[in-house]
Amino acid sequence: MLKLAHFSEPYTKWKQSPGIRDRFLGDAGAIIRSKVKHGFLAYVKHSDFKIVDSLFELEESFGSAHGLAGRLCMDRVEEWRKNENYAFDETRYVFEDGNGRGDIIKAASAIEPHFPLPNFEASRDWVSSHDWPDGRVGLVQLQSADYLAYEYRKAR
């Protein structure tokens, strides 16, 4: 999303016609609205996390703002499941494999109720590298989540 917002590769050609990007984002939003059954979002400002951490030692349980936001999303899913009597044998929490991975893992089991360890997936395909000799196949749904998180943060 950051590349798209700043017209970086592969979106550099769209800079001459910003309307293309606006139409693309509008279409992407419409597709998401037509396919998503439920959404769960949590926003934790890093500076606010630091202030509250200085008083209540949040870092001990959540690691960072990323960890707390991930935990809040898991809590919201659990609350929705209970309210809707929606039973899963096992709920899978899937996050983008990026910032805050260790903190989200820490937050999943830091306090009651303990959640299953989340899964972390690539949001796009990755070619072979030192870290991933066989490359990685991306989970395209995470691109939608990235788009929504970016737009929410912008609005905040």
Protein backbone atom coordinates (compact mmCIF):
# COMPACT_ATOMS: atom_id res chain seq x y z
CA MET A 1 0.00 0.00 0.00
CA LEU A 2 2.89 2.30 0.77
CA LYS A 3 4.22 1.81 -2.78
CA LEU A 4 0.82 2.59 -4.27
CA ALA A 5 0.33 5.69 -2.10
CA HIS A 6 3.68 7.12 -3.19
CA PHE A 7 3.54 6.00 -6.83
CA SER A 8 6.60 3.77 -6.35
CA GLU A 9 7.25 0.75 -8.59
CA PRO A 10 5.16 -0.81 -10.00
CA TYR A 11 2.81 2.23 -9.84
CA THR A 12 5.14 4.99 -11.13
CA LYS A 13 3.21 5.35 -14.42
CA TRP A 14 0.04 6.21 -12.47
CA LYS A 15 1.61 9.44 -11.19
CA GLN A 16 0.77 11.22 -14.48
CA SER A 17 -2.89 10.20 -14.06
CA PRO A 18 -3.77 10.05 -10.34
CA GLY A 19 -7.38 9.29 -11.31
CA ILE A 20 -6.26 5.77 -12.25
CA ARG A 21 -5.12 5.14 -8.68
CA ASP A 22 -8.34 6.62 -7.27
CA ARG A 23 -10.48 4.40 -9.50
CA PHE A 24 -8.36 1.37 -8.63
CA LEU A 25 -8.75 2.03 -4.89
CA GLY A 26 -12.48 2.64 -5.29
CA ASP A 27 -12.87 -0.64 -7.17
CA ALA A 28 -10.72 -2.45 -4.58
CA GLY A 29 -12.90 -1.06 -1.78
CA ALA A 30 -16.08 -2.16 -3.59
CA ILE A 31 -14.71 -5.69 -4.08
CA ILE A 32 -13.74 -5.93 -0.42
CA ARG A 33 -17.19 -4.72 0.71
CA SER A 34 -18.88 -7.28 -1.52
CA LYS A 35 -16.81 -10.24 -0.24
CA VAL A 36 -16.01 -9.60 3.43
CA LYS A 37 -18.50 -10.97 5.94
CA HIS A 38 -16.96 -9.42 9.06
CA GLY A 39 -14.02 -7.17 9.75
CA PHE A 40 -12.03 -6.60 12.91
CA LEU A 41 -9.72 -3.65 13.33
CA ALA A 42 -7.62 -2.30 16.18
CA TYR A 43 -5.49 0.82 16.10
CA VAL A 44 -2.86 1.55 18.73
CA LYS A 45 -0.79 4.70 18.36
CA HIS A 46 2.87 4.02 19.19
CA SER A 47 3.27 7.18 21.28
CA ASP A 48 0.13 6.36 23.31
CA PHE A 49 1.41 2.83 23.89
CA LYS A 50 4.66 4.24 25.30
CA ILE A 51 2.83 6.58 27.68
CA VAL A 52 0.53 3.85 29.00
CA ASP A 53 3.46 1.40 29.13
CA SER A 54 5.34 3.76 31.45
CA LEU A 55 2.41 3.52 33.90
CA PHE A 56 1.24 -0.08 33.51
CA GLU A 57 4.16 -2.02 31.96
CA LEU A 58 2.27 -3.13 28.85
CA GLU A 59 5.48 -4.20 27.16
CA GLU A 60 5.75 -7.12 29.60
CA SER A 61 2.61 -8.71 28.13
CA PHE A 62 2.25 -7.24 24.65
CA GLY A 63 5.76 -6.24 23.57
CA SER A 64 4.70 -3.26 21.49
CA ALA A 65 1.79 -1.41 19.94
CA HIS A 66 1.75 -4.09 17.22
CA GLY A 67 1.35 -6.82 19.81
CA LEU A 68 -1.45 -4.99 21.61
CA ALA A 69 -3.29 -4.25 18.35
CA GLY A 70 -3.01 -7.90 17.31
CA ARG A 71 -4.34 -9.02 20.68
CA LEU A 72 -7.23 -6.56 20.46
CA CYS A 73 -8.17 -8.01 17.06
CA MET A 74 -8.13 -11.54 18.50
CA ASP A 75 -10.30 -10.36 21.41
CA ARG A 76 -12.79 -8.81 18.99
CA VAL A 77 -13.02 -12.00 16.96
CA GLU A 78 -13.65 -13.97 20.14
CA GLU A 79 -16.32 -11.52 21.29
CA TRP A 80 -18.04 -11.72 17.88
CA ARG A 81 -17.92 -15.54 17.93
CA LYS A 82 -19.59 -15.62 21.35
CA ASN A 83 -22.26 -13.05 20.44
CA GLU A 84 -23.12 -14.85 17.22
CA ASN A 85 -22.88 -18.35 18.71
CA TYR A 86 -20.42 -19.01 15.93
CA ALA A 87 -18.44 -22.10 16.85
CA PHE A 88 -15.23 -23.17 15.23
CA ASP A 89 -13.33 -26.23 16.26
CA GLU A 90 -10.27 -24.07 16.11
CA THR A 91 -10.03 -20.42 15.24
CA ARG A 92 -7.00 -19.48 13.15
CA TYR A 93 -5.60 -15.99 13.53
CA VAL A 94 -3.61 -15.01 10.47
CA PHE A 95 -1.41 -11.92 10.38
CA GLU A 96 0.94 -10.51 7.79
CA ASP A 97 4.50 -11.70 8.29
CA GLY A 98 6.07 -8.36 9.08
CA ASN A 99 6.41 -5.90 11.91
CA GLY A 100 5.44 -7.10 15.34
CA ARG A 101 5.46 -10.85 14.71
CA GLY A 102 7.14 -11.75 18.01
CA ASP A 103 5.00 -9.29 19.93
CA ILE A 104 1.75 -10.66 18.50
CA ILE A 105 2.87 -14.19 19.46
CA LYS A 106 3.66 -12.94 22.97
CA ALA A 107 0.30 -11.15 23.25
CA ALA A 108 -1.70 -14.22 22.17
CA SER A 109 -0.87 -16.01 25.41
CA ALA A 110 0.04 -13.17 27.76
CA ILE A 111 -3.33 -12.90 29.49
CA GLU A 112 -6.54 -14.92 29.76
CA PRO A 113 -8.07 -16.09 27.59
CA HIS A 114 -5.03 -17.58 25.88
CA PHE A 115 -5.35 -17.77 22.12
CA PRO A 116 -3.77 -20.27 19.75
CA LEU A 117 -0.49 -19.09 18.31
CA PRO A 118 -1.24 -16.98 15.25
CA ASN A 119 -0.11 -17.88 11.75
CA PHE A 120 2.03 -15.44 9.79
CA GLU A 121 1.79 -15.37 6.02
CA ALA A 122 3.41 -13.37 3.28
CA SER A 123 1.07 -10.80 1.75
CA ARG A 124 2.60 -11.24 -1.68
CA ASP A 125 4.73 -13.76 -3.53
CA TRP A 126 8.44 -13.61 -2.71
CA VAL A 127 11.17 -14.86 -5.01
CA SER A 128 13.90 -17.11 -3.65
CA SER A 129 16.25 -15.44 -1.18
CA HIS A 130 18.71 -16.30 1.56
CA ASP A 131 15.89 -16.39 4.16
CA TRP A 132 13.44 -18.23 1.89
CA PRO A 133 15.38 -20.47 -0.55
CA ASP A 134 12.15 -21.79 -2.08
CA GLY A 135 10.46 -18.39 -2.11
CA ARG A 136 7.03 -17.84 -0.58
CA VAL A 137 3.51 -17.82 -1.92
CA GLY A 138 1.55 -14.81 -0.77
CA LEU A 139 -1.88 -14.83 0.81
CA VAL A 140 -3.61 -12.22 -1.35
CA GLN A 141 -6.32 -11.52 1.25
CA LEU A 142 -3.65 -9.84 3.38
CA GLN A 143 -3.28 -7.19 0.67
CA SER A 144 -6.88 -6.19 1.34
CA ALA A 145 -6.19 -6.04 5.06
CA ASP A 146 -3.12 -3.90 4.39
CA TYR A 147 -5.19 -1.54 2.24
CA LEU A 148 -7.86 -1.16 4.92
CA ALA A 149 -5.29 -0.65 7.69
CA TYR A 150 -3.50 2.00 5.61
CA GLU A 151 -6.72 3.88 4.90
CA TYR A 152 -7.82 3.69 8.54
CA ARG A 153 -4.48 5.00 9.77
CA LYS A 154 -4.66 7.85 7.25
CA ALA A 155 -8.14 8.77 8.47
CA ARG A 156 -7.00 8.74 12.11
